[in-house]
């Protein structure tokens, strides 16, 4: 003996719950007042992930730039987060880009090694940057323009946040050299 039922579900992002109860009808006509709770399962509707990530490195007014473009697929996101990270290695005898800072704002300052026996010694710099795009009211293509980029390979991660949940990430990488 078994039963089957269908429960309409919400399409709104978030954690939802529904409860299933059993009503006892011993004589087949009138249920008794006691209700037996059977289960109260939860389900999650995840935020819609951004799509169509494109990365375009450029040079503008003597500074390296990066345009991060993606498709906004959600109508109710709280924000989109764009994370950039890079590892830059430059030999110390290579002139640095005069328009670029040697470390990202708030980033660590690394000592510059001194060359020995005339051999170039590379310096290494790790950098990160984050941008938050808040409350876009509709869907469509979004572009975020970063300036003062290092001469490096840049890894990019884009996620949407809605109802306290984070979407699947869209990732890519581009060289700004």
N, C-alpha and C. Protein backbone atom coordinates (compact mmCIF):
# COMPACT_ATOMS: atom_id res chain seq x y z
N UNK A 1 0.86 -1.16 0.00
CA UNK A 1 0.00 0.00 0.00
C UNK A 1 0.91 1.23 0.00
N UNK A 2 0.57 2.19 -0.78
CA UNK A 2 1.37 3.40 -0.86
C UNK A 2 0.53 4.55 -1.36
N UNK A 3 1.16 5.67 -1.48
CA UNK A 3 0.46 6.84 -1.99
C UNK A 3 1.45 7.71 -2.73
N UNK A 4 0.92 8.62 -3.49
CA UNK A 4 1.72 9.51 -4.30
C UNK A 4 1.09 10.90 -4.23
N UNK A 5 1.91 11.93 -4.24
CA UNK A 5 1.37 13.28 -4.25
C UNK A 5 2.39 14.21 -4.90
N UNK A 6 1.91 15.35 -5.35
CA UNK A 6 2.76 16.36 -5.95
C UNK A 6 2.62 17.64 -5.14
N UNK A 7 3.76 18.25 -4.85
CA UNK A 7 3.76 19.49 -4.07
C UNK A 7 4.30 20.60 -4.97
N UNK A 8 3.55 21.68 -5.13
CA UNK A 8 4.10 22.79 -5.93
C UNK A 8 5.31 23.38 -5.20
N UNK A 9 6.34 23.72 -5.96
CA UNK A 9 7.55 24.26 -5.32
C UNK A 9 7.79 25.69 -5.77
N UNK A 10 8.50 26.41 -4.94
CA UNK A 10 8.85 27.78 -5.23
C UNK A 10 10.02 27.82 -6.20
N UNK A 11 10.04 28.81 -7.08
CA UNK A 11 11.17 29.01 -7.98
C UNK A 11 12.06 30.14 -7.47
N UNK A 12 11.74 30.71 -6.31
CA UNK A 12 12.52 31.80 -5.74
C UNK A 12 13.77 31.23 -5.08
N UNK A 13 14.91 31.90 -5.32
CA UNK A 13 16.18 31.44 -4.74
C UNK A 13 16.09 31.45 -3.22
N UNK A 14 16.62 30.40 -2.60
CA UNK A 14 16.64 30.32 -1.15
C UNK A 14 16.39 28.91 -0.68
N UNK A 15 16.28 28.76 0.63
CA UNK A 15 15.99 27.46 1.25
C UNK A 15 14.51 27.44 1.58
N UNK A 16 13.84 26.40 1.15
CA UNK A 16 12.39 26.27 1.35
C UNK A 16 12.10 24.96 2.09
N UNK A 17 10.93 24.89 2.71
CA UNK A 17 10.55 23.71 3.47
C UNK A 17 9.06 23.45 3.27
N UNK A 18 8.68 22.18 3.20
CA UNK A 18 7.27 21.83 3.23
C UNK A 18 7.11 20.64 4.16
N UNK A 19 5.90 20.51 4.75
CA UNK A 19 5.66 19.42 5.70
C UNK A 19 4.56 18.50 5.18
N UNK A 20 4.76 17.22 5.43
CA UNK A 20 3.78 16.20 5.07
C UNK A 20 3.22 15.63 6.37
N UNK A 21 1.90 15.61 6.48
CA UNK A 21 1.25 15.06 7.67
C UNK A 21 0.24 14.00 7.25
N UNK A 22 -0.11 13.16 8.18
CA UNK A 22 -1.11 12.11 7.93
C UNK A 22 -2.31 12.37 8.82
N UNK A 23 -3.49 12.33 8.24
CA UNK A 23 -4.73 12.45 9.01
C UNK A 23 -5.36 11.07 9.10
N UNK A 24 -5.67 10.65 10.30
CA UNK A 24 -6.29 9.35 10.51
C UNK A 24 -7.81 9.51 10.35
N UNK A 25 -8.41 8.68 9.47
CA UNK A 25 -9.85 8.68 9.25
C UNK A 25 -10.33 7.24 9.49
N UNK A 26 -10.50 6.89 10.78
CA UNK A 26 -10.79 5.49 11.09
C UNK A 26 -12.11 4.97 10.52
N UNK A 27 -13.15 5.79 10.47
CA UNK A 27 -14.44 5.30 9.95
C UNK A 27 -14.63 5.64 8.48
N UNK A 28 -13.64 6.27 7.87
CA UNK A 28 -13.73 6.58 6.45
C UNK A 28 -14.44 7.88 6.14
N UNK A 29 -14.98 8.55 7.16
CA UNK A 29 -15.72 9.80 6.90
C UNK A 29 -15.18 10.98 7.68
N UNK A 30 -14.82 10.78 8.93
CA UNK A 30 -14.39 11.88 9.79
C UNK A 30 -12.96 11.65 10.28
N UNK A 31 -12.04 12.63 10.03
CA UNK A 31 -10.69 12.45 10.57
C UNK A 31 -10.69 12.70 12.08
N UNK A 32 -9.82 12.00 12.76
CA UNK A 32 -9.66 12.25 14.19
C UNK A 32 -8.78 13.49 14.35
N UNK A 33 -8.90 14.21 15.47
CA UNK A 33 -8.18 15.47 15.61
C UNK A 33 -6.66 15.35 15.61
N UNK A 34 -6.10 14.21 15.96
CA UNK A 34 -4.64 14.09 15.98
C UNK A 34 -4.11 14.04 14.55
N UNK A 35 -3.07 14.80 14.31
CA UNK A 35 -2.41 14.79 13.01
C UNK A 35 -1.00 14.27 13.24
N UNK A 36 -0.59 13.32 12.46
CA UNK A 36 0.74 12.73 12.60
C UNK A 36 1.70 13.36 11.59
N UNK A 37 2.68 14.17 12.07
CA UNK A 37 3.66 14.71 11.12
C UNK A 37 4.57 13.59 10.61
N UNK A 38 4.72 13.51 9.30
CA UNK A 38 5.56 12.48 8.72
C UNK A 38 6.97 12.99 8.40
N UNK A 39 7.03 14.18 7.81
CA UNK A 39 8.34 14.71 7.41
C UNK A 39 8.21 16.19 7.06
N UNK A 40 9.28 16.92 7.23
CA UNK A 40 9.37 18.33 6.82
C UNK A 40 10.69 18.54 6.08
N UNK A 41 10.78 18.06 4.84
CA UNK A 41 12.04 18.20 4.10
C UNK A 41 12.28 19.63 3.62
N UNK A 42 13.56 19.95 3.44
CA UNK A 42 13.96 21.24 2.89
C UNK A 42 14.54 21.03 1.50
N UNK A 43 14.44 22.05 0.69
CA UNK A 43 15.10 22.04 -0.61
C UNK A 43 15.63 23.43 -0.89
N UNK A 44 16.65 23.49 -1.75
CA UNK A 44 17.30 24.77 -2.07
C UNK A 44 17.13 25.08 -3.54
N UNK A 45 16.88 26.34 -3.83
CA UNK A 45 16.94 26.85 -5.19
C UNK A 45 18.19 27.72 -5.24
N UNK A 46 19.16 27.31 -6.06
CA UNK A 46 20.44 28.01 -6.14
C UNK A 46 20.32 29.26 -7.01
N UNK A 47 21.14 30.28 -6.74
CA UNK A 47 21.15 31.46 -7.60
C UNK A 47 21.61 31.10 -9.01
N UNK A 48 21.10 31.82 -9.97
CA UNK A 48 21.51 31.63 -11.36
C UNK A 48 22.93 32.15 -11.54
N UNK A 49 23.77 31.32 -12.09
CA UNK A 49 25.18 31.70 -12.28
C UNK A 49 25.32 32.66 -13.46
N UNK A 50 26.31 33.53 -13.40
CA UNK A 50 26.61 34.35 -14.57
C UNK A 50 27.11 33.45 -15.70
N UNK A 51 27.02 33.91 -16.92
CA UNK A 51 27.50 33.12 -18.05
C UNK A 51 28.21 34.03 -19.04
N UNK A 52 28.75 33.42 -20.09
CA UNK A 52 29.37 34.18 -21.17
C UNK A 52 30.52 35.07 -20.73
N UNK A 53 31.39 34.56 -19.87
CA UNK A 53 32.51 35.36 -19.37
C UNK A 53 33.52 35.62 -20.49
N UNK A 54 33.84 36.90 -20.71
CA UNK A 54 34.90 37.26 -21.65
C UNK A 54 35.86 38.22 -20.94
N UNK A 55 37.14 38.06 -21.24
CA UNK A 55 38.19 38.87 -20.63
C UNK A 55 39.01 39.52 -21.74
N UNK A 56 39.15 40.84 -21.68
CA UNK A 56 39.90 41.56 -22.70
C UNK A 56 40.92 42.45 -22.01
N UNK A 57 42.21 42.12 -22.24
CA UNK A 57 43.29 42.95 -21.70
C UNK A 57 43.57 44.08 -22.68
N UNK A 58 43.94 45.24 -22.14
CA UNK A 58 44.22 46.38 -22.99
C UNK A 58 45.25 47.31 -22.37
N UNK A 59 45.42 48.45 -23.01
CA UNK A 59 46.38 49.45 -22.55
C UNK A 59 45.73 50.80 -22.79
N UNK A 60 45.65 51.60 -21.75
CA UNK A 60 44.94 52.88 -21.85
C UNK A 60 45.66 53.92 -21.01
N UNK A 61 45.99 55.03 -21.61
CA UNK A 61 46.68 56.13 -20.92
C UNK A 61 47.92 55.65 -20.18
N UNK A 62 48.68 54.76 -20.81
CA UNK A 62 49.93 54.29 -20.22
C UNK A 62 49.76 53.25 -19.13
N UNK A 63 48.57 52.72 -18.98
CA UNK A 63 48.32 51.72 -17.93
C UNK A 63 47.64 50.49 -18.52
N UNK A 64 47.98 49.33 -17.97
CA UNK A 64 47.33 48.09 -18.40
C UNK A 64 45.91 48.05 -17.83
N UNK A 65 44.99 47.53 -18.64
CA UNK A 65 43.59 47.45 -18.22
C UNK A 65 43.07 46.05 -18.44
N UNK A 66 41.94 45.76 -17.83
CA UNK A 66 41.25 44.48 -18.04
C UNK A 66 39.76 44.74 -17.98
N UNK A 67 39.05 44.34 -19.04
CA UNK A 67 37.59 44.41 -19.06
C UNK A 67 37.05 43.01 -18.80
N UNK A 68 36.25 42.88 -17.75
CA UNK A 68 35.59 41.62 -17.40
C UNK A 68 34.12 41.78 -17.78
N UNK A 69 33.64 40.99 -18.73
CA UNK A 69 32.26 41.08 -19.20
C UNK A 69 31.60 39.73 -19.01
N UNK A 70 30.35 39.75 -18.55
CA UNK A 70 29.59 38.51 -18.35
C UNK A 70 28.11 38.82 -18.53
N UNK A 71 27.32 37.75 -18.64
CA UNK A 71 25.87 37.91 -18.75
C UNK A 71 25.25 37.74 -17.37
N UNK A 72 24.47 38.73 -16.99
CA UNK A 72 23.70 38.72 -15.73
C UNK A 72 22.41 37.94 -16.03
N UNK A 73 22.25 36.78 -15.41
CA UNK A 73 21.08 35.93 -15.68
C UNK A 73 20.01 36.00 -14.60
N UNK A 74 20.16 36.86 -13.64
CA UNK A 74 19.23 36.90 -12.51
C UNK A 74 18.53 38.25 -12.42
N UNK A 75 17.29 38.23 -11.99
CA UNK A 75 16.54 39.47 -11.77
C UNK A 75 16.61 39.94 -10.33
N UNK A 76 17.02 39.05 -9.40
CA UNK A 76 16.93 39.39 -7.97
C UNK A 76 18.26 39.26 -7.23
N UNK A 77 19.39 39.30 -7.91
CA UNK A 77 20.65 39.12 -7.21
C UNK A 77 20.90 40.27 -6.24
N UNK A 78 21.56 39.94 -5.13
CA UNK A 78 21.99 40.97 -4.19
C UNK A 78 23.22 41.67 -4.73
N UNK A 79 24.12 40.87 -5.34
CA UNK A 79 25.33 41.43 -5.93
C UNK A 79 26.03 40.38 -6.77
N UNK A 80 26.96 40.84 -7.56
CA UNK A 80 27.91 39.98 -8.25
C UNK A 80 29.28 40.30 -7.67
N UNK A 81 30.11 39.27 -7.53
CA UNK A 81 31.46 39.47 -7.01
C UNK A 81 32.45 39.04 -8.08
N UNK A 82 33.42 39.90 -8.36
CA UNK A 82 34.49 39.59 -9.31
C UNK A 82 35.79 39.56 -8.51
N UNK A 83 36.45 38.42 -8.52
CA UNK A 83 37.75 38.27 -7.84
C UNK A 83 38.84 38.11 -8.89
N UNK A 84 39.92 38.86 -8.74
CA UNK A 84 41.10 38.74 -9.61
C UNK A 84 42.27 38.31 -8.74
N UNK A 85 43.11 37.45 -9.29
CA UNK A 85 44.35 37.10 -8.59
C UNK A 85 45.44 36.91 -9.63
N UNK A 86 46.68 37.20 -9.24
CA UNK A 86 47.78 37.06 -10.18
C UNK A 86 49.08 36.80 -9.44
N UNK A 87 50.00 36.22 -10.16
CA UNK A 87 51.37 36.01 -9.70
C UNK A 87 52.25 36.64 -10.75
N UNK A 88 53.01 37.66 -10.36
CA UNK A 88 53.83 38.40 -11.30
C UNK A 88 55.29 38.14 -10.98
N UNK A 89 56.05 37.71 -11.98
CA UNK A 89 57.48 37.52 -11.81
C UNK A 89 58.19 38.38 -12.85
N UNK A 90 59.07 39.24 -12.39
CA UNK A 90 59.78 40.15 -13.28
C UNK A 90 61.26 40.12 -12.91
N UNK A 91 62.16 39.93 -13.87
CA UNK A 91 63.58 40.05 -13.53
C UNK A 91 63.86 41.48 -13.08
N UNK A 92 64.77 41.61 -12.11
CA UNK A 92 65.00 42.95 -11.55
C UNK A 92 65.68 43.90 -12.53
N UNK A 93 66.25 43.39 -13.63
CA UNK A 93 66.86 44.29 -14.59
C UNK A 93 65.88 44.70 -15.69
N UNK A 94 64.63 44.25 -15.62
CA UNK A 94 63.61 44.66 -16.57
C UNK A 94 62.90 45.87 -16.01
N UNK A 95 62.84 46.97 -16.75
CA UNK A 95 62.16 48.14 -16.21
C UNK A 95 60.68 47.83 -15.98
N UNK A 96 60.18 48.30 -14.87
CA UNK A 96 58.75 48.09 -14.58
C UNK A 96 57.95 49.12 -15.34
N UNK A 97 56.71 48.83 -15.57
CA UNK A 97 55.80 49.75 -16.24
C UNK A 97 55.70 51.00 -15.38
N UNK A 98 56.05 52.18 -15.88
CA UNK A 98 56.06 53.37 -15.04
C UNK A 98 54.68 53.75 -14.52
N UNK A 99 53.62 53.27 -15.16
CA UNK A 99 52.28 53.63 -14.71
C UNK A 99 51.69 52.66 -13.71
N UNK A 100 52.41 51.61 -13.39
CA UNK A 100 51.86 50.58 -12.50
C UNK A 100 52.45 50.67 -11.11
N UNK A 101 51.62 50.44 -10.08
CA UNK A 101 52.18 50.37 -8.73
C UNK A 101 52.97 49.06 -8.61
N UNK A 102 53.94 49.03 -7.71
CA UNK A 102 54.72 47.81 -7.54
C UNK A 102 53.96 46.77 -6.74
N UNK A 103 52.98 47.18 -5.97
CA UNK A 103 52.11 46.24 -5.27
C UNK A 103 50.69 46.75 -5.39
N UNK A 104 49.70 45.85 -5.36
CA UNK A 104 48.32 46.31 -5.43
C UNK A 104 47.98 47.10 -4.17
N UNK A 105 46.98 47.97 -4.24
CA UNK A 105 46.60 48.74 -3.04
C UNK A 105 46.33 47.81 -1.87
N UNK A 106 46.98 48.08 -0.75
CA UNK A 106 46.79 47.25 0.43
C UNK A 106 47.56 45.94 0.39
N UNK A 107 48.29 45.68 -0.71
CA UNK A 107 49.00 44.41 -0.85
C UNK A 107 50.33 44.43 -0.13
N UNK A 108 50.94 43.25 0.03
CA UNK A 108 52.21 43.18 0.73
C UNK A 108 53.34 43.75 -0.12
N UNK A 109 54.32 44.30 0.54
CA UNK A 109 55.50 44.83 -0.11
C UNK A 109 56.60 43.78 0.02
N UNK A 110 57.15 43.35 -1.08
CA UNK A 110 58.19 42.33 -1.04
C UNK A 110 59.56 42.96 -1.24
N UNK A 111 60.58 42.47 -0.55
CA UNK A 111 61.91 43.05 -0.74
C UNK A 111 62.42 42.75 -2.14
N UNK A 112 63.19 43.67 -2.70
CA UNK A 112 63.78 43.48 -4.02
C UNK A 112 65.15 42.85 -3.83
N UNK A 113 65.35 41.63 -4.35
CA UNK A 113 66.65 40.99 -4.18
C UNK A 113 67.75 41.74 -4.94
N UNK A 114 68.95 41.67 -4.43
CA UNK A 114 70.09 42.30 -5.08
C UNK A 114 70.77 41.27 -5.99
N UNK A 115 71.07 41.66 -7.22
CA UNK A 115 71.72 40.69 -8.12
C UNK A 115 73.14 40.36 -7.64
N UNK A 116 73.54 39.13 -7.90
CA UNK A 116 74.90 38.72 -7.58
C UNK A 116 75.54 38.22 -8.87
N UNK A 117 76.84 38.49 -9.03
CA UNK A 117 77.61 38.08 -10.21
C UNK A 117 76.95 38.53 -11.51
N UNK A 118 76.19 39.61 -11.47
CA UNK A 118 75.61 40.17 -12.69
C UNK A 118 74.40 39.45 -13.24
N UNK A 119 73.91 38.40 -12.56
CA UNK A 119 72.75 37.65 -13.07
C UNK A 119 71.46 38.32 -12.59
N UNK A 120 70.45 38.45 -13.48
CA UNK A 120 69.19 39.03 -13.03
C UNK A 120 68.48 38.09 -12.05
N UNK A 121 67.97 38.66 -10.99
CA UNK A 121 67.23 37.88 -10.00
C UNK A 121 65.76 38.29 -10.10
N UNK A 122 64.88 37.33 -10.33
CA UNK A 122 63.48 37.71 -10.48
C UNK A 122 62.86 38.13 -9.14
N UNK A 123 61.94 39.05 -9.23
CA UNK A 123 61.13 39.41 -8.06
C UNK A 123 59.73 38.87 -8.33
N UNK A 124 59.09 38.46 -7.28
CA UNK A 124 57.76 37.87 -7.42
C UNK A 124 56.77 38.66 -6.59
N UNK A 125 55.63 38.88 -7.15
CA UNK A 125 54.58 39.62 -6.46
C UNK A 125 53.26 38.89 -6.64
N UNK A 126 52.54 38.73 -5.56
CA UNK A 126 51.21 38.11 -5.60
C UNK A 126 50.20 39.22 -5.39
N UNK A 127 49.15 39.21 -6.17
CA UNK A 127 48.16 40.27 -6.03
C UNK A 127 46.74 39.75 -6.11
N UNK A 128 45.84 40.47 -5.48
CA UNK A 128 44.42 40.16 -5.54
C UNK A 128 43.64 41.47 -5.64
N UNK A 129 42.47 41.39 -6.23
CA UNK A 129 41.56 42.54 -6.29
C UNK A 129 40.14 41.99 -6.27
N UNK A 130 39.21 42.76 -5.76
CA UNK A 130 37.81 42.33 -5.71
C UNK A 130 36.92 43.51 -6.05
N UNK A 131 35.89 43.23 -6.83
CA UNK A 131 34.87 44.25 -7.14
C UNK A 131 33.51 43.66 -6.82
N UNK A 132 32.64 44.46 -6.25
CA UNK A 132 31.26 44.05 -5.98
C UNK A 132 30.35 44.92 -6.84
N UNK A 133 29.45 44.28 -7.58
CA UNK A 133 28.46 44.99 -8.39
C UNK A 133 27.12 44.74 -7.71
N UNK A 134 26.51 45.79 -7.17
CA UNK A 134 25.30 45.63 -6.37
C UNK A 134 24.03 45.89 -7.17
N UNK A 135 22.99 45.09 -6.86
CA UNK A 135 21.62 45.31 -7.27
C UNK A 135 21.36 45.76 -8.68
N UNK A 136 21.76 44.96 -9.67
CA UNK A 136 21.41 45.31 -11.04
C UNK A 136 19.96 44.88 -11.26
N UNK A 137 19.09 45.79 -11.70
CA UNK A 137 17.66 45.52 -11.73
C UNK A 137 17.18 44.63 -12.87
N UNK A 138 18.01 44.32 -13.82
CA UNK A 138 17.56 43.51 -14.94
C UNK A 138 18.68 42.60 -15.39
N UNK A 139 18.41 41.79 -16.39
CA UNK A 139 19.43 40.89 -16.91
C UNK A 139 20.16 41.58 -18.05
N UNK A 140 21.21 40.94 -18.55
CA UNK A 140 21.93 41.49 -19.68
C UNK A 140 23.43 41.42 -19.47
N UNK A 141 24.17 41.99 -20.41
CA UNK A 141 25.63 41.97 -20.35
C UNK A 141 26.12 43.06 -19.39
N UNK A 142 27.10 42.72 -18.57
CA UNK A 142 27.72 43.65 -17.62
C UNK A 142 29.22 43.67 -17.89
N UNK A 143 29.80 44.85 -17.83
CA UNK A 143 31.26 44.98 -18.00
C UNK A 143 31.81 45.77 -16.82
N UNK A 144 32.91 45.25 -16.27
CA UNK A 144 33.63 45.94 -15.20
C UNK A 144 35.02 46.22 -15.72
N UNK A 145 35.46 47.47 -15.64
CA UNK A 145 36.73 47.92 -16.21
C UNK A 145 37.75 48.09 -15.08
N UNK A 146 38.83 47.32 -15.13
CA UNK A 146 39.90 47.42 -14.14
C UNK A 146 41.08 48.15 -14.78
N UNK A 147 41.70 49.05 -14.02
CA UNK A 147 42.89 49.76 -14.50
C UNK A 147 44.06 49.43 -13.58
N UNK A 148 45.24 49.88 -13.95
CA UNK A 148 46.46 49.65 -13.17
C UNK A 148 46.72 48.15 -12.95
N UNK A 149 46.49 47.36 -13.97
CA UNK A 149 46.71 45.92 -13.87
C UNK A 149 48.21 45.62 -13.97
N UNK A 150 48.64 44.53 -13.32
CA UNK A 150 50.06 44.15 -13.42
C UNK A 150 50.34 43.49 -14.76
N UNK A 151 51.62 43.36 -15.06
CA UNK A 151 52.03 42.62 -16.24
C UNK A 151 52.15 41.16 -15.81
N UNK A 152 51.07 40.41 -15.97
CA UNK A 152 51.01 39.05 -15.41
C UNK A 152 49.88 38.26 -16.07
N UNK A 153 49.75 37.01 -15.67
CA UNK A 153 48.57 36.22 -16.04
C UNK A 153 47.57 36.40 -14.91
N UNK A 154 46.35 36.79 -15.25
CA UNK A 154 45.33 37.12 -14.25
C UNK A 154 44.23 36.06 -14.29
N UNK A 155 43.92 35.50 -13.12
CA UNK A 155 42.82 34.54 -12.97
C UNK A 155 41.59 35.30 -12.47
N UNK A 156 40.44 35.07 -13.10
CA UNK A 156 39.21 35.81 -12.79
C UNK A 156 38.12 34.83 -12.37
N UNK A 157 37.39 35.17 -11.29
CA UNK A 157 36.26 34.37 -10.81
C UNK A 157 35.07 35.32 -10.66
N UNK A 158 33.91 34.94 -11.23
CA UNK A 158 32.69 35.74 -11.11
C UNK A 158 31.59 34.85 -10.53
N UNK A 159 30.92 35.34 -9.47
CA UNK A 159 29.78 34.63 -8.87
C UNK A 159 28.67 35.63 -8.59
N UNK A 160 27.43 35.13 -8.49
CA UNK A 160 26.32 35.97 -8.05
C UNK A 160 25.91 35.53 -6.64
N UNK A 161 25.40 36.48 -5.88
CA UNK A 161 24.92 36.20 -4.52
C UNK A 161 23.46 36.63 -4.45
N UNK A 162 22.63 35.73 -3.91
CA UNK A 162 21.21 36.02 -3.79
C UNK A 162 20.66 35.24 -2.60
N UNK A 163 19.89 35.91 -1.77
CA UNK A 163 19.23 35.29 -0.62
C UNK A 163 20.22 34.54 0.27
N UNK A 164 21.42 35.07 0.41
CA UNK A 164 22.42 34.44 1.26
C UNK A 164 23.12 33.25 0.64
N UNK A 165 22.86 32.95 -0.63
CA UNK A 165 23.49 31.82 -1.31
C UNK A 165 24.38 32.33 -2.44
N UNK A 166 25.41 31.55 -2.75
CA UNK A 166 26.36 31.91 -3.81
C UNK A 166 26.20 30.96 -4.98
N UNK A 167 26.18 31.50 -6.19
CA UNK A 167 26.02 30.69 -7.40
C UNK A 167 27.29 29.91 -7.70
N UNK A 168 27.18 29.06 -8.69
CA UNK A 168 28.37 28.41 -9.24
C UNK A 168 29.25 29.49 -9.83
N UNK A 169 30.55 29.27 -9.82
CA UNK A 169 31.51 30.26 -10.31
C UNK A 169 31.73 30.12 -11.80
N UNK A 170 31.98 31.24 -12.45
CA UNK A 170 32.48 31.27 -13.83
C UNK A 170 33.91 31.77 -13.72
N UNK A 171 34.84 31.07 -14.35
CA UNK A 171 36.25 31.43 -14.22
C UNK A 171 36.91 31.56 -15.58
N UNK A 172 37.99 32.30 -15.60
CA UNK A 172 38.77 32.45 -16.82
C UNK A 172 40.12 33.04 -16.48
N UNK A 173 40.96 33.14 -17.46
CA UNK A 173 42.27 33.73 -17.26
C UNK A 173 42.72 34.44 -18.52
N UNK A 174 43.58 35.46 -18.32
CA UNK A 174 44.06 36.24 -19.44
C UNK A 174 45.44 36.81 -19.10
N UNK A 175 46.28 36.97 -20.10
CA UNK A 175 47.57 37.59 -19.90
C UNK A 175 47.45 39.08 -20.16
N UNK A 176 48.03 39.88 -19.29
CA UNK A 176 48.03 41.34 -19.49
C UNK A 176 49.40 41.82 -19.96
N UNK A 177 50.26 40.90 -20.38
CA UNK A 177 51.61 41.26 -20.84
C UNK A 177 51.56 41.94 -22.18
